[in-house]
PDB file of N, CA and C in Angstrom:
ATOM      1  N   MET A   1       0.855  -1.157  -0.072  1.00  0.00           N
ATOM      2  CA  MET A   1       0.096  -0.326   0.184  1.00  0.00           C
ATOM      3  C   MET A   1       0.859   1.445   0.091  1.00  0.00           C
ATOM      4  N   ALA A   2       1.720   1.446   0.759  1.00  0.00           N
ATOM      5  CA  ALA A   2       2.701   2.592   1.151  1.00  0.00           C
ATOM      6  C   ALA A   2       3.266   2.703  -0.518  1.00  0.00           C
ATOM      7  N   GLU A   3       3.757   1.331  -1.578  1.00  0.00           N
ATOM      8  CA  GLU A   3       4.687   2.030  -2.294  1.00  0.00           C
ATOM      9  C   GLU A   3       3.366   2.721  -3.768  1.00  0.00           C
ATOM     10  N   VAL A   4       2.335   2.229  -3.751  1.00  0.00           N
ATOM     11  CA  VAL A   4       1.138   2.561  -3.995  1.00  0.00           C
ATOM     12  C   VAL A   4       1.114   4.272  -3.917  1.00  0.00           C
ATOM     13  N   ILE A   5       1.116   4.374  -2.847  1.00  0.00           N
ATOM     14  CA  ILE A   5       1.125   5.858  -2.408  1.00  0.00           C
ATOM     15  C   ILE A   5       2.299   6.462  -3.105  1.00  0.00           C
ATOM     16  N   GLU A   6       3.115   6.380  -2.689  1.00  0.00           N
ATOM     17  CA  GLU A   6       4.421   6.920  -3.445  1.00  0.00           C
ATOM     18  C   GLU A   6       4.803   6.923  -4.894  1.00  0.00           C
ATOM     19  N   GLU A   7       4.101   5.710  -5.484  1.00  0.00           N
ATOM     20  CA  GLU A   7       4.287   5.589  -6.972  1.00  0.00           C
ATOM     21  C   GLU A   7       3.247   6.809  -7.278  1.00  0.00           C
ATOM     22  N   THR A   8       1.737   7.148  -7.014  1.00  0.00           N
ATOM     23  CA  THR A   8       0.823   7.852  -7.093  1.00  0.00           C
ATOM     24  C   THR A   8       1.308   9.160  -7.070  1.00  0.00           C
ATOM     25  N   LEU A   9       1.955   9.473  -6.017  1.00  0.00           N
ATOM     26  CA  LEU A   9       2.441  10.773  -5.668  1.00  0.00           C
ATOM     27  C   LEU A   9       3.584  11.065  -6.676  1.00  0.00           C
ATOM     28  N   ILE A  10       4.749  10.588  -7.085  1.00  0.00           N
ATOM     29  CA  ILE A  10       5.843  10.554  -7.935  1.00  0.00           C
ATOM     30  C   ILE A  10       5.060  11.033  -9.207  1.00  0.00           C
ATOM     31  N   VAL A  11       3.646  10.410 -10.184  1.00  0.00           N
ATOM     32  CA  VAL A  11       3.064  10.644 -11.096  1.00  0.00           C
ATOM     33  C   VAL A  11       2.390  11.941 -11.157  1.00  0.00           C
ATOM     34  N   ILE A  12       1.943  11.968  -9.931  1.00  0.00           N
ATOM     35  CA  ILE A  12       1.219  13.238  -9.606  1.00  0.00           C
ATOM     36  C   ILE A  12       2.144  14.544  -9.662  1.00  0.00           C
ATOM     37  N   LEU A  13       3.148  14.727  -8.926  1.00  0.00           N
ATOM     38  CA  LEU A  13       3.949  15.958  -8.613  1.00  0.00           C
ATOM     39  C   LEU A  13       5.403  16.065  -9.903  1.00  0.00           C
ATOM     40  N   ALA A  14       5.322  14.764 -11.106  1.00  0.00           N
ATOM     41  CA  ALA A  14       6.360  14.646 -11.790  1.00  0.00           C
ATOM     42  C   ALA A  14       6.626  15.713 -12.565  1.00  0.00           C
ATOM     43  N   ASN A  15       5.847  16.305 -12.494  1.00  0.00           N
ATOM     44  CA  ASN A  15       5.519  17.687 -14.237  1.00  0.00           C
ATOM     45  C   ASN A  15       5.008  19.080 -13.619  1.00  0.00           C
ATOM     46  N   ILE A  16       5.008  18.824 -12.456  1.00  0.00           N
ATOM     47  CA  ILE A  16       4.584  20.481 -12.059  1.00  0.00           C
ATOM     48  C   ILE A  16       4.848  21.065 -11.343  1.00  0.00           C
ATOM     49  N   THR A  17       4.934  22.619 -11.042  1.00  0.00           N
ATOM     50  CA  THR A  17       5.209  23.526 -10.487  1.00  0.00           C
ATOM     51  C   THR A  17       5.447  23.817  -8.959  1.00  0.00           C
ATOM     52  N   THR A  18       6.051  24.604  -8.304  1.00  0.00           N
ATOM     53  CA  THR A  18       6.504  24.977  -7.125  1.00  0.00           C
ATOM     54  C   THR A  18       4.934  25.164  -6.487  1.00  0.00           C
ATOM     55  N   LYS A  19       4.064  26.063  -7.524  1.00  0.00           N
ATOM     56  CA  LYS A  19       3.003  26.372  -6.450  1.00  0.00           C
ATOM     57  C   LYS A  19       1.972  24.933  -6.834  1.00  0.00           C
ATOM     58  N   GLU A  20       2.284  24.235  -7.814  1.00  0.00           N
ATOM     59  CA  GLU A  20       1.020  23.226  -8.085  1.00  0.00           C
ATOM     60  C   GLU A  20       1.912  22.147  -7.010  1.00  0.00           C
ATOM     61  N   ALA A  21       2.805  21.963  -6.773  1.00  0.00           N
ATOM     62  CA  ALA A  21       3.229  20.944  -5.925  1.00  0.00           C
ATOM     63  C   ALA A  21       3.217  21.426  -4.127  1.00  0.00           C
ATOM     64  N   VAL A  22       2.994  23.002  -3.991  1.00  0.00           N
ATOM     65  CA  VAL A  22       2.181  23.259  -2.717  1.00  0.00           C
ATOM     66  C   VAL A  22       0.453  22.473  -2.088  1.00  0.00           C
ATOM     67  N   VAL A  23       0.109  22.921  -3.362  1.00  0.00           N
ATOM     68  CA  VAL A  23      -1.275  23.148  -3.331  1.00  0.00           C
ATOM     69  C   VAL A  23      -1.602  21.522  -3.620  1.00  0.00           C
ATOM     70  N   THR A  24      -0.828  20.827  -4.044  1.00  0.00           N
ATOM     71  CA  THR A  24      -0.811  19.466  -3.989  1.00  0.00           C
ATOM     72  C   THR A  24      -0.925  18.390  -2.843  1.00  0.00           C
ATOM     73  N   THR A  25       0.209  19.017  -2.018  1.00  0.00           N
ATOM     74  CA  THR A  25       0.533  18.906  -0.988  1.00  0.00           C
ATOM     75  C   THR A  25      -0.459  19.025  -0.129  1.00  0.00           C
ATOM     76  N   ILE A  26      -0.700  20.012   0.142  1.00  0.00           N
ATOM     77  CA  ILE A  26      -1.991  20.800   0.901  1.00  0.00           C
ATOM     78  C   ILE A  26      -3.392  19.797   0.685  1.00  0.00           C
ATOM     79  N   ILE A  27      -3.727  19.338  -0.527  1.00  0.00           N
ATOM     80  CA  ILE A  27      -4.770  18.391  -0.693  1.00  0.00           C
ATOM     81  C   ILE A  27      -4.383  16.978  -0.018  1.00  0.00           C
ATOM     82  N   ILE A  28      -3.289  16.591  -0.724  1.00  0.00           N
ATOM     83  CA  ILE A  28      -3.258  15.439   0.026  1.00  0.00           C
ATOM     84  C   ILE A  28      -3.553  15.146   1.588  1.00  0.00           C
ATOM     85  N   THR A  29      -2.340  16.166   2.304  1.00  0.00           N
ATOM     86  CA  THR A  29      -2.585  16.132   3.769  1.00  0.00           C
ATOM     87  C   THR A  29      -4.340  16.446   4.141  1.00  0.00           C
ATOM     88  N   THR A  30      -4.543  17.309   3.503  1.00  0.00           N
ATOM     89  CA  THR A  30      -6.314  17.110   3.999  1.00  0.00           C
ATOM     90  C   THR A  30      -7.084  15.806   3.741  1.00  0.00           C
ATOM     91  N   ILE A  31      -6.790  15.066   2.723  1.00  0.00           N
ATOM     92  CA  ILE A  31      -7.804  13.770   2.238  1.00  0.00           C
ATOM     93  C   ILE A  31      -7.293  13.179   3.466  1.00  0.00           C
ATOM     94  N   ILE A  32      -6.076  12.966   3.613  1.00  0.00           N
ATOM     95  CA  ILE A  32      -5.465  12.027   4.741  1.00  0.00           C
ATOM     96  C   ILE A  32      -6.198  11.826   6.087  1.00  0.00           C
ATOM     97  N   THR A  33      -6.163  13.696   6.340  1.00  0.00           N
ATOM     98  CA  THR A  33      -6.621  13.971   7.872  1.00  0.00           C
ATOM     99  C   THR A  33      -8.258  13.620   7.868  1.00  0.00           C
ATOM    100  N   ILE A  34      -8.954  14.225   6.447  1.00  0.00           N
ATOM    101  CA  ILE A  34     -10.139  13.251   6.663  1.00  0.00           C
ATOM    102  C   ILE A  34     -10.372  12.177   7.217  1.00  0.00           C
ATOM    103  N   ILE A  35      -9.774  11.157   6.184  1.00  0.00           N
ATOM    104  CA  ILE A  35     -10.079   9.942   6.447  1.00  0.00           C
ATOM    105  C   ILE A  35      -9.338   9.573   7.906  1.00  0.00           C
ATOM    106  N   LYS A  36      -8.957   9.895   8.449  1.00  0.00           N
ATOM    107  CA  LYS A  36      -8.080   9.631   9.507  1.00  0.00           C
ATOM    108  C   LYS A  36      -9.378  10.000  10.662  1.00  0.00           C
ATOM    109  N   VAL A  37      -9.847  11.146  10.475  1.00  0.00           N
ATOM    110  CA  VAL A  37     -11.009  11.841  11.136  1.00  0.00           C
ATOM    111  C   VAL A  37     -12.121  10.802  11.067  1.00  0.00           C
ATOM    112  N   ILE A  38     -12.584  10.025   9.764  1.00  0.00           N
ATOM    113  CA  ILE A  38     -13.759   9.043   9.363  1.00  0.00           C
ATOM    114  C   ILE A  38     -13.528   8.069  10.416  1.00  0.00           C
ATOM    115  N   ILE A  39     -11.896   7.554  10.110  1.00  0.00           N
ATOM    116  CA  ILE A  39     -11.621   5.849  10.759  1.00  0.00           C
ATOM    117  C   ILE A  39     -11.961   6.337  12.026  1.00  0.00           C
ATOM    118  N   THR A  40     -11.676   7.648  13.151  1.00  0.00           N
ATOM    119  CA  THR A  40     -11.690   7.644  14.656  1.00  0.00           C
ATOM    120  C   THR A  40     -12.805   7.147  14.536  1.00  0.00           C
ATOM    121  N   ILE A  41     -14.137   8.240  14.181  1.00  0.00           N
ATOM    122  CA  ILE A  41     -15.386   8.479  14.716  1.00  0.00           C
ATOM    123  C   ILE A  41     -15.926   7.029  14.367  1.00  0.00           C
ATOM    124  N   LEU A  42     -15.833   5.856  13.202  1.00  0.00           N
ATOM    125  CA  LEU A  42     -16.248   4.724  12.794  1.00  0.00           C
ATOM    126  C   LEU A  42     -15.365   3.953  13.856  1.00  0.00           C
ATOM    127  N   ALA A  43     -14.296   4.377  14.325  1.00  0.00           N
ATOM    128  CA  ALA A  43     -13.499   3.165  15.441  1.00  0.00           C
ATOM    129  C   ALA A  43     -14.294   3.546  16.813  1.00  0.00           C
ATOM    130  N   GLN A  44     -14.688   4.575  16.917  1.00  0.00           N
ATOM    131  CA  GLN A  44     -15.394   4.730  18.556  1.00  0.00           C
ATOM    132  C   GLN A  44     -16.909   4.452  18.104  1.00  0.00           C
ATOM    133  N   ALA A  45     -17.584   4.494  17.160  1.00  0.00           N
ATOM    134  CA  ALA A  45     -18.811   3.731  17.430  1.00  0.00           C
ATOM    135  C   ALA A  45     -19.125   2.475  17.644  1.00  0.00           C
ATOM    136  N   PHE A  46     -17.962   2.146  16.860  1.00  0.00           N
ATOM    137  CA  PHE A  46     -18.105   0.509  16.737  1.00  0.00           C
ATOM    138  C   PHE A  46     -17.348  -0.057  18.013  1.00  0.00           C
ATOM    139  N   ASN A  47     -16.579   0.729  18.971  1.00  0.00           N
ATOM    140  CA  ASN A  47     -15.687   0.737  20.530  1.00  0.00           C
ATOM    141  C   ASN A  47     -14.323  -0.040  19.774  1.00  0.00           C
ATOM    142  N   LYS A  48     -14.126   0.319  19.137  1.00  0.00           N
ATOM    143  CA  LYS A  48     -12.674  -0.749  18.364  1.00  0.00           C
ATOM    144  C   LYS A  48     -11.493   0.221  18.053  1.00  0.00           C
ATOM    145  N   PRO A  49     -10.600   0.320  18.674  1.00  0.00           N
ATOM    146  CA  PRO A  49      -9.554   1.537  17.975  1.00  0.00           C
ATOM    147  C   PRO A  49      -8.616   1.152  16.894  1.00  0.00           C
ATOM    148  N   LYS A  50      -9.689   1.174  15.567  1.00  0.00           N
ATOM    149  CA  LYS A  50      -8.759   0.747  14.375  1.00  0.00           C
ATOM    150  C   LYS A  50      -7.967   1.418  13.531  1.00  0.00           C
ATOM    151  N   GLU A  51      -7.954   3.285  14.270  1.00  0.00           N
ATOM    152  CA  GLU A  51      -7.147   4.065  13.838  1.00  0.00           C
ATOM    153  C   GLU A  51      -5.941   3.728  14.235  1.00  0.00           C
ATOM    154  N   VAL A  52      -4.975   2.669  15.122  1.00  0.00           N
ATOM    155  CA  VAL A  52      -3.672   2.480  15.360  1.00  0.00           C
ATOM    156  C   VAL A  52      -3.285   1.913  14.130  1.00  0.00           C
ATOM    157  N   LYS A  53      -4.297   0.879  13.596  1.00  0.00           N
ATOM    158  CA  LYS A  53      -3.790  -0.053  12.371  1.00  0.00           C
ATOM    159  C   LYS A  53      -3.223   0.972  11.064  1.00  0.00           C
ATOM    160  N   PHE A  54      -3.827   2.114  11.018  1.00  0.00           N
ATOM    161  CA  PHE A  54      -3.505   2.859  10.082  1.00  0.00           C
ATOM    162  C   PHE A  54      -2.659   4.542  10.304  1.00  0.00           C
ATOM    163  N   LYS A  55      -2.100   4.251  11.329  1.00  0.00           N
ATOM    164  CA  LYS A  55      -1.457   5.104  12.005  1.00  0.00           C
ATOM    165  C   LYS A  55       0.167   4.824  11.214  1.00  0.00           C
ATOM    166  N   LYS A  56       0.698   4.089  10.654  1.00  0.00           N
ATOM    167  CA  LYS A  56       1.973   4.163   9.954  1.00  0.00           C
ATOM    168  C   LYS A  56       1.320   4.400   8.723  1.00  0.00           C
ATOM    169  N   LEU A  57       0.327   4.098   8.334  1.00  0.00           N
ATOM    170  CA  LEU A  57      -0.069   4.876   6.627  1.00  0.00           C
ATOM    171  C   LEU A  57      -0.136   6.568   6.808  1.00  0.00           C
ATOM    172  N   PHE A  58      -0.936   6.863   8.009  1.00  0.00           N
ATOM    173  CA  PHE A  58      -0.839   8.071   7.620  1.00  0.00           C
ATOM    174  C   PHE A  58       0.386   9.076   7.677  1.00  0.00           C
ATOM    175  N   ASN A  59       0.967   8.414   8.843  1.00  0.00           N
ATOM    176  CA  ASN A  59       2.398   8.719   8.988  1.00  0.00           C
ATOM    177  C   ASN A  59       3.202   9.112   7.815  1.00  0.00           C
ATOM    178  N   LEU A  60       3.071   7.808   7.041  1.00  0.00           N
ATOM    179  CA  LEU A  60       3.783   7.823   5.555  1.00  0.00           C
ATOM    180  C   LEU A  60       3.207   8.672   5.150  1.00  0.00           C
ATOM    181  N   GLY A  61       1.967   8.717   5.120  1.00  0.00           N
ATOM    182  CA  GLY A  61       1.425   9.566   3.622  1.00  0.00           C
ATOM    183  C   GLY A  61       2.267  11.284   4.191  1.00  0.00           C
ATOM    184  N   TYR A  62       2.111  11.676   5.365  1.00  0.00           N
ATOM    185  CA  TYR A  62       2.743  12.845   5.540  1.00  0.00           C
ATOM    186  C   TYR A  62       3.760  13.363   5.570  1.00  0.00           C
ATOM    187  N   ASP A  63       4.859  11.848   5.630  1.00  0.00           N
ATOM    188  CA  ASP A  63       6.286  12.035   5.487  1.00  0.00           C
ATOM    189  C   ASP A  63       6.556  12.048   3.869  1.00  0.00           C
ATOM    190  N   VAL A  64       5.914  11.471   3.149  1.00  0.00           N
ATOM    191  CA  VAL A  64       5.787  11.943   1.253  1.00  0.00           C
ATOM    192  C   VAL A  64       5.483  12.544   1.071  1.00  0.00           C
ATOM    193  N   ALA A  65       4.548  13.453   1.550  1.00  0.00           N
ATOM    194  CA  ALA A  65       4.086  14.523   0.758  1.00  0.00           C
ATOM    195  C   ALA A  65       4.910  15.990   1.434  1.00  0.00           C
ATOM    196  N   SER A  66       5.293  15.892   2.714  1.00  0.00           N
ATOM    197  CA  SER A  66       6.643  16.752   2.572  1.00  0.00           C
ATOM    198  C   SER A  66       7.709  16.702   1.862  1.00  0.00           C
ATOM    199  N   TYR A  67       8.249  15.274   1.667  1.00  0.00           N
ATOM    200  CA  TYR A  67       9.054  15.147   1.254  1.00  0.00           C
ATOM    201  C   TYR A  67       9.365  15.612  -0.301  1.00  0.00           C
ATOM    202  N   TYR A  68       8.237  16.028  -1.110  1.00  0.00           N
ATOM    203  CA  TYR A  68       7.845  15.918  -2.271  1.00  0.00           C
ATOM    204  C   TYR A  68       7.535  17.606  -2.016  1.00  0.00           C
ATOM    205  N   ALA A  69       7.028  18.109  -1.549  1.00  0.00           N
ATOM    206  CA  ALA A  69       6.841  19.622  -1.333  1.00  0.00           C
ATOM    207  C   ALA A  69       8.448  20.356  -1.113  1.00  0.00           C
ATOM    208  N   LEU A  70       9.035  19.881  -0.081  1.00  0.00           N
ATOM    209  CA  LEU A  70      10.711  20.165   0.115  1.00  0.00           C
ATOM    210  C   LEU A  70      11.275  20.267  -1.047  1.00  0.00           C
ATOM    211  N   TYR A  71      11.374  19.044  -1.960  1.00  0.00           N
ATOM    212  CA  TYR A  71      12.221  18.700  -2.880  1.00  0.00           C
ATOM    213  C   TYR A  71      12.033  19.597  -4.484  1.00  0.00           C
ATOM    214  N   PHE A  72      10.404  19.740  -4.754  1.00  0.00           N
ATOM    215  CA  PHE A  72      10.067  20.681  -5.440  1.00  0.00           C
ATOM    216  C   PHE A  72      10.361  22.102  -4.925  1.00  0.00           C
ATOM    217  N   HIS A  73      10.392  22.869  -3.710  1.00  0.00           N
ATOM    218  CA  HIS A  73      10.440  24.132  -3.300  1.00  0.00           C
ATOM    219  C   HIS A  73      12.204  24.206  -3.492  1.00  0.00           C
ATOM    220  N   PHE A  74      13.472  23.232  -2.751  1.00  0.00           N
ATOM    221  CA  PHE A  74      14.759  23.397  -3.245  1.00  0.00           C
ATOM    222  C   PHE A  74      14.926  22.771  -5.221  1.00  0.00           C
ATOM    223  N   LEU A  75      13.861  22.046  -5.815  1.00  0.00           N
ATOM    224  CA  LEU A  75      14.526  22.270  -7.169  1.00  0.00           C
ATOM    225  C   LEU A  75      14.195  23.309  -8.100  1.00  0.00           C
ATOM    226  N   ASN A  76      13.341  24.501  -7.677  1.00  0.00           N
ATOM    227  CA  ASN A  76      13.036  25.513  -8.521  1.00  0.00           C
ATOM    228  C   ASN A  76      13.962  26.466  -7.810  1.00  0.00           C
ATOM    229  N   GLY A  77      14.963  26.332  -7.318  1.00  0.00           N
ATOM    230  CA  GLY A  77      15.860  27.488  -6.794  1.00  0.00           C
ATOM    231  C   GLY A  77      15.741  27.937  -5.537  1.00  0.00           C
ATOM    232  N   ALA A  78      14.903  27.805  -4.560  1.00  0.00           N
ATOM    233  CA  ALA A  78      14.103  28.799  -3.747  1.00  0.00           C
ATOM    234  C   ALA A  78      15.269  28.531  -2.504  1.00  0.00           C
TER     235      ALA A  78
END
């Protein structure tokens, strides 16, 4: 799953500008946060702490998004 996320981000961010990279990063982190909130609500509704299973996936998503944002920031000579 982690490889799929990373490959998707590489494809999305391969040929875009710094501004687009920042916007894409914000969108990706927002989507990850929304999914985390939904999982947390469902976990509380069913009284099962399922968010723990997804913790590593979300951390990976934030790390990958941050990496690409920095990469494009420095790539464009900032």
